[in-house]
Amino acid sequence: MPAPVAAGRGHKRLLDIAASGVAIVLSSPLLAAVALTIKLSDGGPVLFRHRRVGLGGRTFDCLKFRTMNVDAELRLKEHLLADPLAAEEWETTRKLKKDPRLTAIGSSLRRTSIDELPQLINVLRGDMSLVGPRPVVAEELAHYGRNAAHYLSVRPGLTGAWQVSGRNDVSYAERVRLDTEYCTTWSLAKDLQIMLLTIPALFSGRGSY
């Protein structure tokens, strides 16, 4: 007989496959409309692929609709050199409330989290889960310290405790605490609770930038 946690994880994966498959089908008109709008806006790529760390340390390409200008890295470098406060904000949180890289449509996609819908594909193919810690780049694991093992024990999530607790308004230390608590007290009931809380969190727009 498998341990209860192991059995539960299997049920979690079945839920991921079923729910992400249905969500992709139902949202396909929206996905197509957003993709077309991005392409027509500047002719650049529709999707942005960023290398993230997943279950067991395996890396994968995390998918998003592109929200940044094609010369985003140059814009960021110039902005941080010109604005010491922005440079400090970036060093601390890896985020900017006023991000010079964003396109006009990108700001709206970020605010509504529509930019993250392509991650349903990541969920379907097993890179991610519907619920879990926010996917991180390899360098960010240093912020987790001894708790990095907890992060690596699960698939990162499309939504999670961080997203329903204020997102970017939450400090990184608090984010690590939330992720660690999720990993060590996981249950299917908790996943369902977070999914339900995600809906009002998206409408509130708190911490979305």
Protein backbone atom coordinates (compact mmCIF):
# COMPACT_ATOMS: atom_id res chain seq x y z
CA MET A 1 0.00 0.00 0.00
CA PRO A 2 1.41 3.43 -0.88
CA ALA A 3 1.83 6.00 1.88
CA PRO A 4 -1.10 8.45 2.13
CA VAL A 5 1.02 11.37 0.94
CA ALA A 6 2.29 9.38 -2.07
CA ALA A 7 -1.27 8.36 -2.98
CA GLY A 8 -2.45 11.92 -2.58
CA ARG A 9 0.30 13.18 -4.88
CA GLY A 10 -0.96 10.77 -7.53
CA HIS A 11 -4.44 12.21 -7.21
CA LYS A 12 -2.94 15.70 -7.43
CA ARG A 13 -1.33 14.83 -10.75
CA LEU A 14 -4.61 13.42 -12.12
CA LEU A 15 -6.35 16.65 -11.12
CA ASP A 16 -3.60 18.66 -12.86
CA ILE A 17 -4.00 16.73 -16.11
CA ALA A 18 -7.80 16.87 -16.17
CA ALA A 19 -8.20 20.50 -15.09
CA SER A 20 -5.40 21.93 -17.27
CA GLY A 21 -6.69 20.06 -20.33
CA VAL A 22 -10.22 21.40 -19.84
CA ALA A 23 -8.91 24.91 -19.10
CA ILE A 24 -6.83 24.98 -22.30
CA VAL A 25 -9.85 24.01 -24.40
CA LEU A 26 -12.19 26.51 -22.72
CA SER A 27 -9.69 29.38 -22.85
CA SER A 28 -8.50 28.70 -26.43
CA PRO A 29 -10.42 31.68 -27.94
CA LEU A 30 -8.83 34.01 -25.38
CA LEU A 31 -5.39 32.46 -25.91
CA ALA A 32 -5.70 32.96 -29.67
CA ALA A 33 -6.89 36.56 -29.32
CA VAL A 34 -4.05 37.50 -26.96
CA ALA A 35 -1.46 35.80 -29.17
CA LEU A 36 -2.71 37.69 -32.22
CA THR A 37 -2.73 41.03 -30.36
CA ILE A 38 0.86 40.57 -29.18
CA LYS A 39 2.06 39.59 -32.64
CA LEU A 40 0.36 42.55 -34.31
CA SER A 41 1.63 45.03 -31.70
CA ASP A 42 5.32 44.85 -32.62
CA GLY A 43 5.91 41.72 -34.67
CA GLY A 44 7.93 40.06 -31.91
CA PRO A 45 7.51 36.56 -30.50
CA VAL A 46 4.21 35.72 -28.80
CA LEU A 47 5.61 33.55 -26.03
CA PHE A 48 8.39 34.19 -23.54
CA ARG A 49 10.32 31.16 -22.32
CA HIS A 50 12.28 31.42 -19.09
CA ARG A 51 14.35 28.65 -17.52
CA ARG A 52 13.00 27.70 -14.09
CA VAL A 53 13.76 24.99 -11.53
CA GLY A 54 11.17 22.33 -10.88
CA LEU A 55 10.64 19.03 -9.09
CA GLY A 56 13.91 17.41 -8.03
CA GLY A 57 15.97 20.26 -9.47
CA ARG A 58 14.98 19.54 -13.07
CA THR A 59 14.89 22.72 -15.15
CA PHE A 60 12.19 23.54 -17.68
CA ASP A 61 11.04 26.37 -19.93
CA CYS A 62 8.29 28.22 -18.08
CA LEU A 63 5.88 29.69 -20.64
CA LYS A 64 4.25 33.12 -20.56
CA PHE A 65 2.74 35.49 -23.05
CA ARG A 66 5.43 38.06 -23.82
CA THR A 67 4.76 41.25 -21.87
CA MET A 68 8.07 42.98 -22.48
CA ASN A 69 9.64 44.86 -25.36
CA VAL A 70 12.07 42.92 -27.52
CA ASP A 71 14.96 45.04 -26.17
CA ALA A 72 13.87 44.48 -22.56
CA GLU A 73 17.29 43.62 -21.14
CA LEU A 74 18.87 46.81 -22.53
CA ARG A 75 16.00 48.90 -21.14
CA LEU A 76 16.39 47.30 -17.73
CA LYS A 77 20.15 47.85 -17.63
CA GLU A 78 19.83 51.52 -18.57
CA HIS A 79 17.00 52.06 -16.07
CA LEU A 80 18.90 50.50 -13.15
CA LEU A 81 22.03 52.51 -13.92
CA ALA A 82 20.02 55.74 -13.99
CA ASP A 83 17.87 55.07 -10.90
CA PRO A 84 19.62 53.84 -7.69
CA LEU A 85 16.28 53.31 -5.91
CA ALA A 86 15.06 51.08 -8.74
CA ALA A 87 18.37 49.20 -8.62
CA GLU A 88 17.88 48.59 -4.89
CA GLU A 89 14.29 47.45 -5.46
CA TRP A 90 15.45 45.04 -8.18
CA GLU A 91 18.25 43.64 -6.01
CA THR A 92 15.85 43.00 -3.15
CA THR A 93 12.76 41.65 -4.91
CA ARG A 94 13.76 40.98 -8.54
CA LYS A 95 10.66 43.04 -9.42
CA LEU A 96 9.94 46.66 -10.33
CA LYS A 97 6.66 48.42 -9.62
CA LYS A 98 7.41 50.71 -12.56
CA ASP A 99 9.00 48.38 -15.07
CA PRO A 100 10.35 50.13 -18.22
CA ARG A 101 10.45 46.84 -20.08
CA LEU A 102 6.67 46.35 -20.27
CA THR A 103 4.71 46.89 -23.48
CA ALA A 104 1.33 48.66 -23.45
CA ILE A 105 -0.58 45.39 -23.62
CA GLY A 106 1.94 43.75 -21.31
CA SER A 107 0.86 45.89 -18.37
CA SER A 108 -2.75 44.73 -18.78
CA LEU A 109 -1.73 41.10 -19.15
CA ARG A 110 0.37 41.28 -15.98
CA ARG A 111 -2.35 43.02 -13.98
CA THR A 112 -4.91 40.33 -14.87
CA SER A 113 -2.38 37.43 -14.84
CA ILE A 114 -3.52 36.47 -18.35
CA ASP A 115 0.17 36.41 -19.30
CA GLU A 116 0.51 33.22 -17.23
CA LEU A 117 -2.20 31.21 -19.00
CA PRO A 118 0.34 29.43 -21.28
CA GLN A 119 1.64 27.77 -18.12
CA LEU A 120 -1.39 25.49 -18.40
CA ILE A 121 0.75 23.74 -21.03
CA ASN A 122 3.53 23.37 -18.44
CA VAL A 123 0.98 21.82 -16.06
CA LEU A 124 -0.33 19.42 -18.69
CA ARG A 125 3.12 18.15 -19.60
CA GLY A 126 4.21 17.74 -15.97
CA ASP A 127 6.63 20.64 -15.50
CA MET A 128 4.27 22.37 -13.08
CA SER A 129 1.17 21.79 -11.00
CA LEU A 130 -2.00 23.86 -10.72
CA VAL A 131 -0.99 24.69 -7.13
CA GLY A 132 2.50 24.91 -5.69
CA PRO A 133 5.38 27.27 -4.94
CA ARG A 134 6.07 30.05 -7.44
CA PRO A 135 8.60 28.71 -10.02
CA VAL A 136 12.07 30.19 -9.42
CA VAL A 137 15.28 30.58 -11.40
CA ALA A 138 18.31 28.66 -10.12
CA GLU A 139 19.87 31.75 -8.51
CA GLU A 140 16.77 32.31 -6.35
CA LEU A 141 17.16 28.99 -4.54
CA ALA A 142 19.81 30.70 -2.40
CA HIS A 143 16.98 32.73 -0.82
CA TYR A 144 15.42 29.48 0.41
CA GLY A 145 18.53 28.35 2.29
CA ARG A 146 17.91 25.05 4.08
CA ASN A 147 14.29 25.19 2.91
CA ALA A 148 15.34 24.71 -0.73
CA ALA A 149 14.83 20.96 -0.29
CA HIS A 150 11.15 21.58 0.42
CA TYR A 151 10.77 23.64 -2.75
CA LEU A 152 12.46 20.89 -4.80
CA SER A 153 10.15 18.21 -3.34
CA VAL A 154 7.09 19.40 -5.31
CA ARG A 155 6.19 20.78 -8.72
CA PRO A 156 6.00 24.59 -8.82
CA GLY A 157 2.49 25.94 -9.25
CA LEU A 158 0.46 28.10 -11.58
CA THR A 159 -1.05 29.50 -8.39
CA GLY A 160 -0.16 29.06 -4.76
CA ALA A 161 -0.05 30.48 -1.26
CA TRP A 162 2.05 33.45 -2.44
CA GLN A 163 -0.43 34.43 -5.15
CA VAL A 164 -3.40 34.49 -2.76
CA SER A 165 -1.48 36.32 -0.01
CA GLY A 166 -0.56 39.52 -1.84
CA ARG A 167 1.92 38.43 -4.54
CA ASN A 168 4.55 41.12 -5.05
CA ASP A 169 3.43 43.00 -1.93
CA VAL A 170 4.75 40.06 0.11
CA SER A 171 8.43 40.09 1.11
CA TYR A 172 10.70 37.38 -0.27
CA ALA A 173 11.27 35.99 3.22
CA GLU A 174 7.52 35.67 3.71
CA ARG A 175 7.21 34.03 0.29
CA VAL A 176 9.78 31.40 1.33
CA ARG A 177 7.85 30.83 4.56
CA LEU A 178 4.58 30.38 2.68
CA ASP A 179 6.16 27.97 0.18
CA THR A 180 7.79 25.93 2.95
CA GLU A 181 4.55 25.73 4.91
CA TYR A 182 2.69 24.61 1.78
CA CYS A 183 5.23 21.87 1.02
CA THR A 184 5.30 20.53 4.58
CA THR A 185 1.54 20.60 5.21
CA TRP A 186 0.25 19.78 1.72
CA SER A 187 -3.17 18.23 1.16
CA LEU A 188 -5.68 18.09 -1.69
CA ALA A 189 -8.08 20.10 0.46
CA LYS A 190 -5.47 22.86 0.75
CA ASP A 191 -4.97 22.84 -3.03
CA LEU A 192 -8.72 23.25 -3.59
CA GLN A 193 -8.85 26.06 -1.03
CA ILE A 194 -6.01 27.94 -2.78
CA MET A 195 -7.67 27.49 -6.17
CA LEU A 196 -10.88 29.01 -4.82
CA LEU A 197 -8.99 31.91 -3.24
CA THR A 198 -7.15 32.57 -6.51
CA ILE A 199 -10.32 33.88 -8.20
CA PRO A 200 -10.92 36.85 -5.86
CA ALA A 201 -7.15 37.45 -5.68
CA LEU A 202 -7.05 37.91 -9.47
CA PHE A 203 -9.98 40.34 -9.41
CA SER A 204 -8.43 42.38 -6.60
CA GLY A 205 -5.22 42.89 -8.55
CA ARG A 206 -3.26 43.19 -5.30
CA GLY A 207 0.48 42.91 -5.86
CA SER A 208 0.12 42.49 -9.64
CA TYR A 209 2.95 44.31 -11.40
